[in-house]
N, C-alpha and C. Protein backbone atom coordinates (compact mmCIF):
# COMPACT_ATOMS: atom_id res chain seq x y z
N MET A 1 25.57 -8.54 -0.41
CA MET A 1 25.45 -7.17 0.03
C MET A 1 24.90 -6.33 -1.11
N ARG A 2 23.98 -5.46 -0.77
CA ARG A 2 23.42 -4.53 -1.74
C ARG A 2 24.23 -3.24 -1.75
N VAL A 3 24.24 -2.60 -2.90
CA VAL A 3 24.87 -1.30 -3.04
C VAL A 3 23.78 -0.32 -3.48
N ALA A 4 23.68 0.78 -2.75
CA ALA A 4 22.71 1.82 -3.10
C ALA A 4 23.42 2.93 -3.85
N VAL A 5 22.82 3.33 -4.96
CA VAL A 5 23.39 4.39 -5.80
C VAL A 5 22.33 5.47 -5.98
N ASN A 6 22.70 6.71 -5.65
CA ASN A 6 21.80 7.84 -5.84
C ASN A 6 21.83 8.28 -7.29
N PHE A 7 20.66 8.40 -7.90
CA PHE A 7 20.54 8.86 -9.27
C PHE A 7 19.98 10.28 -9.25
N SER A 8 20.60 11.16 -10.01
CA SER A 8 20.20 12.56 -10.06
C SER A 8 19.15 12.79 -11.15
N ALA A 9 18.64 14.01 -11.17
CA ALA A 9 17.71 14.40 -12.23
C ALA A 9 18.38 14.29 -13.59
N GLN A 10 19.66 14.62 -13.66
CA GLN A 10 20.41 14.51 -14.91
C GLN A 10 20.44 13.06 -15.40
N HIS A 11 20.64 12.12 -14.50
CA HIS A 11 20.61 10.71 -14.88
C HIS A 11 19.25 10.35 -15.49
N PHE A 12 18.20 10.83 -14.87
CA PHE A 12 16.85 10.46 -15.31
C PHE A 12 16.47 11.07 -16.64
N ARG A 13 17.15 12.13 -17.05
CA ARG A 13 16.88 12.72 -18.36
C ARG A 13 17.55 11.95 -19.49
N GLN A 14 18.45 11.04 -19.16
CA GLN A 14 19.15 10.26 -20.18
C GLN A 14 18.26 9.11 -20.64
N THR A 15 17.96 9.07 -21.92
CA THR A 15 17.03 8.07 -22.43
C THR A 15 17.62 6.66 -22.42
N ASP A 16 18.94 6.55 -22.35
CA ASP A 16 19.57 5.23 -22.35
C ASP A 16 20.08 4.83 -20.96
N LEU A 17 19.43 5.33 -19.92
CA LEU A 17 19.87 5.07 -18.55
C LEU A 17 19.98 3.58 -18.25
N ALA A 18 18.96 2.82 -18.57
CA ALA A 18 18.97 1.38 -18.29
C ALA A 18 20.11 0.68 -19.03
N GLN A 19 20.36 1.08 -20.25
CA GLN A 19 21.46 0.49 -21.01
C GLN A 19 22.81 0.82 -20.37
N GLN A 20 22.95 2.05 -19.88
CA GLN A 20 24.19 2.44 -19.21
C GLN A 20 24.41 1.60 -17.94
N VAL A 21 23.35 1.41 -17.18
CA VAL A 21 23.46 0.59 -15.96
C VAL A 21 23.82 -0.84 -16.34
N GLN A 22 23.18 -1.37 -17.36
CA GLN A 22 23.48 -2.74 -17.81
C GLN A 22 24.94 -2.87 -18.22
N GLN A 23 25.47 -1.88 -18.92
CA GLN A 23 26.88 -1.92 -19.32
C GLN A 23 27.81 -1.91 -18.11
N VAL A 24 27.50 -1.10 -17.12
CA VAL A 24 28.33 -1.06 -15.91
C VAL A 24 28.26 -2.40 -15.18
N LEU A 25 27.08 -2.98 -15.10
CA LEU A 25 26.94 -4.28 -14.44
C LEU A 25 27.78 -5.34 -15.17
N ARG A 26 27.71 -5.34 -16.49
CA ARG A 26 28.50 -6.30 -17.27
C ARG A 26 29.99 -6.09 -17.06
N ARG A 27 30.41 -4.82 -17.12
CA ARG A 27 31.83 -4.49 -17.00
C ARG A 27 32.38 -4.86 -15.62
N THR A 28 31.58 -4.69 -14.57
CA THR A 28 32.05 -4.95 -13.22
C THR A 28 31.78 -6.37 -12.75
N GLY A 29 30.89 -7.07 -13.44
CA GLY A 29 30.52 -8.41 -13.01
C GLY A 29 29.50 -8.41 -11.88
N ALA A 30 28.97 -7.24 -11.55
CA ALA A 30 27.96 -7.15 -10.49
C ALA A 30 26.62 -7.64 -11.00
N GLN A 31 25.78 -8.07 -10.10
CA GLN A 31 24.44 -8.54 -10.43
C GLN A 31 23.43 -7.41 -10.19
N ALA A 32 22.44 -7.31 -11.04
CA ALA A 32 21.44 -6.25 -10.91
C ALA A 32 20.71 -6.34 -9.57
N HIS A 33 20.48 -7.54 -9.05
CA HIS A 33 19.74 -7.66 -7.79
C HIS A 33 20.56 -7.17 -6.59
N TRP A 34 21.84 -6.87 -6.79
CA TRP A 34 22.66 -6.27 -5.74
C TRP A 34 22.50 -4.77 -5.69
N LEU A 35 21.89 -4.19 -6.73
CA LEU A 35 21.84 -2.75 -6.90
C LEU A 35 20.50 -2.17 -6.48
N SER A 36 20.56 -1.19 -5.60
CA SER A 36 19.38 -0.45 -5.19
C SER A 36 19.52 0.98 -5.72
N ILE A 37 18.62 1.36 -6.60
CA ILE A 37 18.63 2.69 -7.19
C ILE A 37 17.87 3.62 -6.25
N GLU A 38 18.51 4.72 -5.85
CA GLU A 38 17.85 5.69 -4.99
C GLU A 38 17.58 6.95 -5.80
N VAL A 39 16.33 7.34 -5.81
CA VAL A 39 15.92 8.55 -6.51
C VAL A 39 15.13 9.40 -5.52
N THR A 40 15.42 10.70 -5.51
CA THR A 40 14.71 11.56 -4.57
C THR A 40 13.27 11.72 -5.01
N GLU A 41 12.46 12.00 -4.03
CA GLU A 41 11.04 12.22 -4.29
C GLU A 41 10.84 13.35 -5.30
N SER A 42 11.62 14.43 -5.18
CA SER A 42 11.45 15.56 -6.10
C SER A 42 11.82 15.19 -7.53
N VAL A 43 12.86 14.37 -7.73
CA VAL A 43 13.24 13.94 -9.08
C VAL A 43 12.14 13.06 -9.67
N ALA A 44 11.64 12.13 -8.89
CA ALA A 44 10.61 11.22 -9.39
C ALA A 44 9.32 11.96 -9.72
N MET A 45 8.99 12.97 -8.95
CA MET A 45 7.72 13.66 -9.14
C MET A 45 7.79 14.78 -10.17
N THR A 46 9.00 15.18 -10.59
CA THR A 46 9.13 16.22 -11.61
C THR A 46 8.51 15.78 -12.93
N ASN A 47 8.79 14.54 -13.31
CA ASN A 47 8.21 13.97 -14.53
C ASN A 47 7.88 12.51 -14.22
N PRO A 48 6.75 12.27 -13.58
CA PRO A 48 6.42 10.92 -13.12
C PRO A 48 6.35 9.88 -14.23
N GLU A 49 5.88 10.25 -15.40
CA GLU A 49 5.80 9.29 -16.50
C GLU A 49 7.20 8.85 -16.93
N GLN A 50 8.10 9.82 -17.06
CA GLN A 50 9.47 9.48 -17.42
C GLN A 50 10.13 8.64 -16.31
N ALA A 51 9.89 9.03 -15.07
CA ALA A 51 10.44 8.27 -13.94
C ALA A 51 9.93 6.83 -13.98
N ARG A 52 8.65 6.68 -14.25
CA ARG A 52 8.09 5.32 -14.31
C ARG A 52 8.77 4.50 -15.41
N THR A 53 8.94 5.09 -16.59
CA THR A 53 9.58 4.39 -17.69
C THR A 53 11.00 3.97 -17.31
N GLN A 54 11.76 4.92 -16.75
CA GLN A 54 13.15 4.63 -16.36
C GLN A 54 13.19 3.56 -15.26
N LEU A 55 12.36 3.71 -14.25
CA LEU A 55 12.38 2.78 -13.12
C LEU A 55 11.89 1.40 -13.53
N ASP A 56 10.87 1.35 -14.38
CA ASP A 56 10.38 0.05 -14.87
C ASP A 56 11.50 -0.72 -15.58
N ALA A 57 12.29 -0.01 -16.39
CA ALA A 57 13.40 -0.66 -17.11
C ALA A 57 14.45 -1.17 -16.14
N LEU A 58 14.75 -0.41 -15.10
CA LEU A 58 15.74 -0.83 -14.11
C LEU A 58 15.23 -2.01 -13.28
N VAL A 59 13.97 -1.97 -12.91
CA VAL A 59 13.36 -3.07 -12.14
C VAL A 59 13.31 -4.34 -12.99
N ALA A 60 13.02 -4.20 -14.27
CA ALA A 60 12.98 -5.35 -15.18
C ALA A 60 14.34 -6.05 -15.24
N MET A 61 15.42 -5.28 -15.04
CA MET A 61 16.77 -5.86 -15.01
C MET A 61 17.04 -6.59 -13.70
N GLY A 62 16.25 -6.28 -12.67
CA GLY A 62 16.46 -6.90 -11.36
C GLY A 62 16.86 -5.94 -10.26
N CYS A 63 17.01 -4.66 -10.59
CA CYS A 63 17.37 -3.66 -9.58
C CYS A 63 16.17 -3.40 -8.66
N LYS A 64 16.46 -2.94 -7.45
CA LYS A 64 15.44 -2.45 -6.53
C LYS A 64 15.45 -0.93 -6.58
N VAL A 65 14.34 -0.31 -6.17
CA VAL A 65 14.22 1.13 -6.23
C VAL A 65 13.80 1.67 -4.87
N ALA A 66 14.51 2.71 -4.41
CA ALA A 66 14.17 3.38 -3.16
C ALA A 66 13.80 4.83 -3.46
N LEU A 67 12.74 5.30 -2.83
CA LEU A 67 12.34 6.70 -2.95
C LEU A 67 12.95 7.44 -1.77
N ASP A 68 13.96 8.25 -2.07
CA ASP A 68 14.76 8.93 -1.05
C ASP A 68 14.09 10.25 -0.64
N ASP A 69 14.40 10.70 0.56
CA ASP A 69 13.89 11.98 1.09
C ASP A 69 12.37 12.01 1.13
N PHE A 70 11.74 10.86 1.38
CA PHE A 70 10.29 10.79 1.34
C PHE A 70 9.68 11.71 2.39
N GLY A 71 8.67 12.44 1.97
CA GLY A 71 7.94 13.33 2.86
C GLY A 71 8.37 14.77 2.76
N THR A 72 9.41 15.07 1.97
CA THR A 72 9.90 16.44 1.89
C THR A 72 9.47 17.16 0.62
N GLY A 73 8.97 16.43 -0.34
CA GLY A 73 8.61 17.03 -1.64
C GLY A 73 7.12 17.19 -1.78
N TYR A 74 6.69 17.19 -3.02
CA TYR A 74 5.28 17.40 -3.34
C TYR A 74 4.70 16.15 -3.98
N SER A 75 4.94 15.02 -3.37
CA SER A 75 4.50 13.78 -4.00
C SER A 75 3.00 13.58 -3.85
N SER A 76 2.49 12.84 -4.77
CA SER A 76 1.10 12.42 -4.74
C SER A 76 1.10 10.93 -4.40
N LEU A 77 0.19 10.53 -3.56
CA LEU A 77 0.11 9.11 -3.23
C LEU A 77 -0.26 8.29 -4.46
N ALA A 78 -0.94 8.90 -5.43
CA ALA A 78 -1.25 8.19 -6.67
C ALA A 78 0.04 7.85 -7.42
N TYR A 79 1.01 8.77 -7.43
CA TYR A 79 2.29 8.50 -8.08
C TYR A 79 3.08 7.44 -7.31
N LEU A 80 2.98 7.49 -6.00
CA LEU A 80 3.65 6.49 -5.18
C LEU A 80 3.14 5.10 -5.54
N LYS A 81 1.85 5.00 -5.78
CA LYS A 81 1.25 3.73 -6.18
C LYS A 81 1.67 3.33 -7.60
N MET A 82 1.85 4.32 -8.46
CA MET A 82 2.14 4.07 -9.87
C MET A 82 3.60 3.65 -10.10
N LEU A 83 4.52 4.19 -9.33
CA LEU A 83 5.94 3.93 -9.55
C LEU A 83 6.36 2.59 -8.94
N PRO A 84 7.33 1.91 -9.55
CA PRO A 84 7.79 0.62 -9.01
C PRO A 84 8.77 0.81 -7.86
N ILE A 85 8.26 1.24 -6.73
CA ILE A 85 9.08 1.54 -5.55
C ILE A 85 9.08 0.34 -4.61
N HIS A 86 10.27 -0.04 -4.14
CA HIS A 86 10.41 -1.13 -3.18
C HIS A 86 10.66 -0.63 -1.77
N LYS A 87 11.26 0.57 -1.68
CA LYS A 87 11.66 1.11 -0.39
C LYS A 87 11.31 2.59 -0.30
N LEU A 88 10.94 3.02 0.89
CA LEU A 88 10.79 4.43 1.20
C LEU A 88 11.87 4.79 2.21
N LYS A 89 12.44 5.96 2.06
CA LYS A 89 13.45 6.44 3.01
C LYS A 89 12.91 7.70 3.68
N ILE A 90 12.65 7.61 4.98
CA ILE A 90 12.19 8.78 5.73
C ILE A 90 13.35 9.78 5.80
N ASP A 91 13.07 11.00 5.42
CA ASP A 91 14.11 12.02 5.40
C ASP A 91 14.63 12.33 6.80
N LYS A 92 15.91 12.64 6.87
CA LYS A 92 16.57 12.96 8.13
C LYS A 92 15.90 14.12 8.86
N SER A 93 15.29 15.04 8.12
CA SER A 93 14.67 16.20 8.76
C SER A 93 13.59 15.79 9.75
N PHE A 94 12.95 14.64 9.54
CA PHE A 94 11.94 14.16 10.49
C PHE A 94 12.59 13.47 11.69
N MET A 95 13.78 12.91 11.50
CA MET A 95 14.48 12.24 12.59
C MET A 95 15.01 13.23 13.61
N ASP A 96 15.36 14.43 13.15
CA ASP A 96 15.99 15.42 14.03
C ASP A 96 15.16 15.70 15.28
N GLY A 97 13.85 15.73 15.16
CA GLY A 97 13.00 16.08 16.30
C GLY A 97 12.49 14.90 17.11
N ILE A 98 12.84 13.69 16.69
CA ILE A 98 12.33 12.49 17.38
C ILE A 98 13.23 12.18 18.58
N PRO A 99 12.64 11.79 19.67
CA PRO A 99 11.22 11.53 19.92
C PRO A 99 10.45 12.71 20.49
N GLY A 100 11.10 13.83 20.77
CA GLY A 100 10.45 14.93 21.49
C GLY A 100 9.46 15.76 20.70
N ASP A 101 9.66 15.94 19.42
CA ASP A 101 8.79 16.80 18.62
C ASP A 101 7.56 16.00 18.17
N ALA A 102 6.39 16.43 18.62
CA ALA A 102 5.15 15.70 18.34
C ALA A 102 4.85 15.62 16.84
N SER A 103 5.13 16.68 16.10
CA SER A 103 4.86 16.67 14.65
C SER A 103 5.78 15.70 13.92
N ASP A 104 7.09 15.74 14.23
CA ASP A 104 8.03 14.80 13.60
C ASP A 104 7.66 13.36 13.94
N ALA A 105 7.26 13.13 15.18
CA ALA A 105 6.88 11.78 15.59
C ALA A 105 5.63 11.32 14.85
N ALA A 106 4.64 12.19 14.73
CA ALA A 106 3.39 11.83 14.04
C ALA A 106 3.64 11.56 12.56
N ILE A 107 4.43 12.41 11.92
CA ILE A 107 4.73 12.20 10.50
C ILE A 107 5.50 10.90 10.31
N SER A 108 6.47 10.64 11.16
CA SER A 108 7.25 9.41 11.05
C SER A 108 6.39 8.18 11.26
N ARG A 109 5.50 8.21 12.24
CA ARG A 109 4.59 7.07 12.45
C ARG A 109 3.71 6.86 11.23
N ALA A 110 3.23 7.95 10.62
CA ALA A 110 2.37 7.83 9.44
C ALA A 110 3.14 7.24 8.26
N ILE A 111 4.39 7.66 8.06
CA ILE A 111 5.18 7.12 6.96
C ILE A 111 5.50 5.65 7.21
N ILE A 112 5.78 5.29 8.46
CA ILE A 112 6.02 3.89 8.79
C ILE A 112 4.79 3.05 8.47
N ALA A 113 3.62 3.54 8.87
CA ALA A 113 2.37 2.81 8.62
C ALA A 113 2.09 2.71 7.11
N LEU A 114 2.38 3.77 6.37
CA LEU A 114 2.17 3.77 4.93
C LEU A 114 3.06 2.71 4.27
N ALA A 115 4.33 2.70 4.61
CA ALA A 115 5.25 1.71 4.04
C ALA A 115 4.82 0.30 4.39
N GLN A 116 4.42 0.08 5.62
CA GLN A 116 3.98 -1.26 6.03
C GLN A 116 2.74 -1.68 5.26
N SER A 117 1.80 -0.78 5.09
CA SER A 117 0.55 -1.14 4.40
C SER A 117 0.78 -1.40 2.91
N LEU A 118 1.82 -0.80 2.34
CA LEU A 118 2.15 -1.02 0.93
C LEU A 118 3.20 -2.12 0.75
N ASN A 119 3.56 -2.80 1.85
CA ASN A 119 4.57 -3.86 1.82
C ASN A 119 5.91 -3.38 1.26
N MET A 120 6.29 -2.18 1.66
CA MET A 120 7.58 -1.62 1.25
C MET A 120 8.54 -1.65 2.42
N THR A 121 9.80 -1.81 2.12
CA THR A 121 10.83 -1.66 3.13
C THR A 121 10.91 -0.18 3.47
N LEU A 122 11.12 0.13 4.73
CA LEU A 122 11.26 1.52 5.16
C LEU A 122 12.64 1.70 5.76
N ILE A 123 13.33 2.74 5.35
CA ILE A 123 14.65 3.06 5.88
C ILE A 123 14.58 4.45 6.50
N ALA A 124 14.99 4.55 7.74
CA ALA A 124 15.05 5.85 8.41
C ALA A 124 16.46 6.41 8.23
N GLU A 125 16.53 7.61 7.66
CA GLU A 125 17.82 8.27 7.45
C GLU A 125 18.15 9.16 8.63
N GLY A 126 19.44 9.33 8.89
CA GLY A 126 19.88 10.30 9.88
C GLY A 126 19.64 9.89 11.31
N VAL A 127 19.67 8.61 11.61
CA VAL A 127 19.50 8.15 12.99
C VAL A 127 20.81 8.38 13.73
N GLU A 128 20.74 9.24 14.75
CA GLU A 128 21.95 9.64 15.46
C GLU A 128 21.92 9.35 16.95
N THR A 129 20.75 9.02 17.49
CA THR A 129 20.67 8.80 18.94
C THR A 129 19.95 7.49 19.25
N ALA A 130 20.23 6.97 20.43
CA ALA A 130 19.55 5.77 20.89
C ALA A 130 18.05 6.02 21.05
N ALA A 131 17.67 7.23 21.43
CA ALA A 131 16.24 7.57 21.58
C ALA A 131 15.53 7.50 20.23
N GLN A 132 16.16 7.99 19.18
CA GLN A 132 15.56 7.90 17.85
C GLN A 132 15.41 6.44 17.44
N LEU A 133 16.45 5.66 17.66
CA LEU A 133 16.40 4.24 17.32
C LEU A 133 15.30 3.53 18.10
N GLY A 134 15.17 3.82 19.38
CA GLY A 134 14.12 3.21 20.19
C GLY A 134 12.73 3.55 19.67
N PHE A 135 12.51 4.81 19.30
CA PHE A 135 11.23 5.23 18.74
C PHE A 135 10.93 4.45 17.47
N LEU A 136 11.90 4.37 16.58
CA LEU A 136 11.70 3.69 15.30
C LEU A 136 11.39 2.21 15.52
N ARG A 137 12.13 1.56 16.39
CA ARG A 137 11.87 0.14 16.68
C ARG A 137 10.49 -0.04 17.28
N GLN A 138 10.12 0.83 18.20
CA GLN A 138 8.81 0.73 18.85
C GLN A 138 7.67 0.83 17.84
N HIS A 139 7.89 1.60 16.77
CA HIS A 139 6.83 1.82 15.79
C HIS A 139 6.97 0.98 14.53
N GLY A 140 7.89 0.02 14.54
CA GLY A 140 7.94 -0.96 13.46
C GLY A 140 8.89 -0.67 12.31
N CYS A 141 9.75 0.32 12.45
CA CYS A 141 10.76 0.56 11.43
C CYS A 141 11.97 -0.31 11.76
N GLU A 142 12.40 -1.12 10.80
CA GLU A 142 13.46 -2.09 11.09
C GLU A 142 14.77 -1.82 10.38
N THR A 143 14.83 -0.79 9.54
CA THR A 143 16.06 -0.50 8.80
C THR A 143 16.41 0.97 9.01
N TYR A 144 17.68 1.21 9.31
CA TYR A 144 18.12 2.55 9.67
C TYR A 144 19.49 2.82 9.07
N GLN A 145 19.78 4.11 8.93
CA GLN A 145 21.14 4.51 8.60
C GLN A 145 21.41 5.82 9.31
N GLY A 146 22.65 6.03 9.63
CA GLY A 146 23.00 7.28 10.30
C GLY A 146 24.25 7.13 11.13
N TRP A 147 24.64 8.24 11.73
CA TRP A 147 25.89 8.29 12.48
C TRP A 147 25.86 7.47 13.76
N LEU A 148 24.69 7.07 14.22
CA LEU A 148 24.64 6.18 15.38
C LEU A 148 25.35 4.86 15.07
N PHE A 149 25.35 4.48 13.80
CA PHE A 149 25.93 3.20 13.37
C PHE A 149 27.32 3.36 12.79
N ALA A 150 27.55 4.41 12.03
CA ALA A 150 28.88 4.66 11.45
C ALA A 150 28.92 6.07 10.87
N LYS A 151 30.04 6.70 11.02
CA LYS A 151 30.27 8.00 10.38
C LYS A 151 30.59 7.77 8.91
N ALA A 152 30.53 8.82 8.12
CA ALA A 152 30.92 8.72 6.71
C ALA A 152 32.37 8.25 6.66
N MET A 153 32.67 7.41 5.67
CA MET A 153 34.03 6.87 5.58
C MET A 153 34.44 6.66 4.13
N THR A 154 35.73 6.52 3.95
CA THR A 154 36.27 6.27 2.62
C THR A 154 36.01 4.82 2.23
N ALA A 155 36.19 4.52 0.95
CA ALA A 155 36.03 3.14 0.47
C ALA A 155 37.02 2.21 1.18
N ASP A 156 38.25 2.68 1.39
CA ASP A 156 39.25 1.84 2.07
C ASP A 156 38.82 1.53 3.51
N ALA A 157 38.30 2.54 4.21
CA ALA A 157 37.85 2.34 5.58
C ALA A 157 36.67 1.37 5.62
N LEU A 158 35.77 1.47 4.65
CA LEU A 158 34.64 0.54 4.58
C LEU A 158 35.12 -0.88 4.34
N THR A 159 36.07 -1.04 3.45
CA THR A 159 36.63 -2.37 3.17
C THR A 159 37.22 -2.97 4.44
N GLN A 160 37.96 -2.17 5.20
CA GLN A 160 38.55 -2.65 6.46
C GLN A 160 37.47 -3.01 7.47
N LEU A 161 36.43 -2.18 7.56
CA LEU A 161 35.33 -2.46 8.49
C LEU A 161 34.63 -3.76 8.14
N LEU A 162 34.33 -3.95 6.86
CA LEU A 162 33.67 -5.18 6.43
C LEU A 162 34.55 -6.40 6.69
N ALA A 163 35.84 -6.27 6.44
CA ALA A 163 36.76 -7.38 6.68
C ALA A 163 36.84 -7.71 8.16
N SER A 164 36.86 -6.69 9.02
CA SER A 164 36.92 -6.96 10.46
C SER A 164 35.61 -7.57 10.97
N ASN A 165 34.47 -7.13 10.42
CA ASN A 165 33.19 -7.73 10.80
C ASN A 165 33.11 -9.18 10.34
N ASP A 166 33.62 -9.45 9.14
CA ASP A 166 33.63 -10.82 8.62
C ASP A 166 34.51 -11.71 9.49
N SER A 167 35.66 -11.19 9.89
CA SER A 167 36.58 -11.96 10.75
C SER A 167 35.94 -12.22 12.11
N ALA A 168 35.24 -11.22 12.66
CA ALA A 168 34.59 -11.38 13.96
C ALA A 168 33.48 -12.42 13.89
N GLN A 169 32.70 -12.42 12.80
CA GLN A 169 31.63 -13.40 12.64
C GLN A 169 32.18 -14.80 12.47
N THR A 170 33.28 -14.91 11.74
CA THR A 170 33.89 -16.22 11.51
C THR A 170 34.46 -16.77 12.81
N ALA A 171 35.08 -15.89 13.61
CA ALA A 171 35.68 -16.32 14.88
C ALA A 171 34.62 -16.62 15.93
N GLY A 172 33.50 -15.92 15.86
CA GLY A 172 32.46 -16.04 16.89
C GLY A 172 31.56 -17.15 16.60
């Protein structure tokens, strides 16, 4: 199972970020390939050279990188090409109008096509209805998150959910 961790602008200003992550991985016994670093588009684009340096170091350790809130900032496609991004996350604001809002649908289809053409995983955030899920599946988005699947929960509740799913798979 992968764990996604949101990194803030403050994290990215720390010159020893990769070393800090490495220390946490050692201390916890977690593997870098289990870790997906999520950075918002605005954080990555504020100082793209610094973001590239930080992300390159994390990727070299084995971490994956997701560009969160994609489509809401002022990104350049040249920076998207330059940064070591494995995943794009379509911002929830585009999901809110799907499937009825023509602009949200067009933007979402374009982001899906962009991710596919760059061989990136695409994650749709904020999926709350079966109609949104149907639209995303129809247009080739295969990874989703949102309240349609689970509400926000505590770590204890997540542990119980995972244990019950594991028991159901073992029994089935």
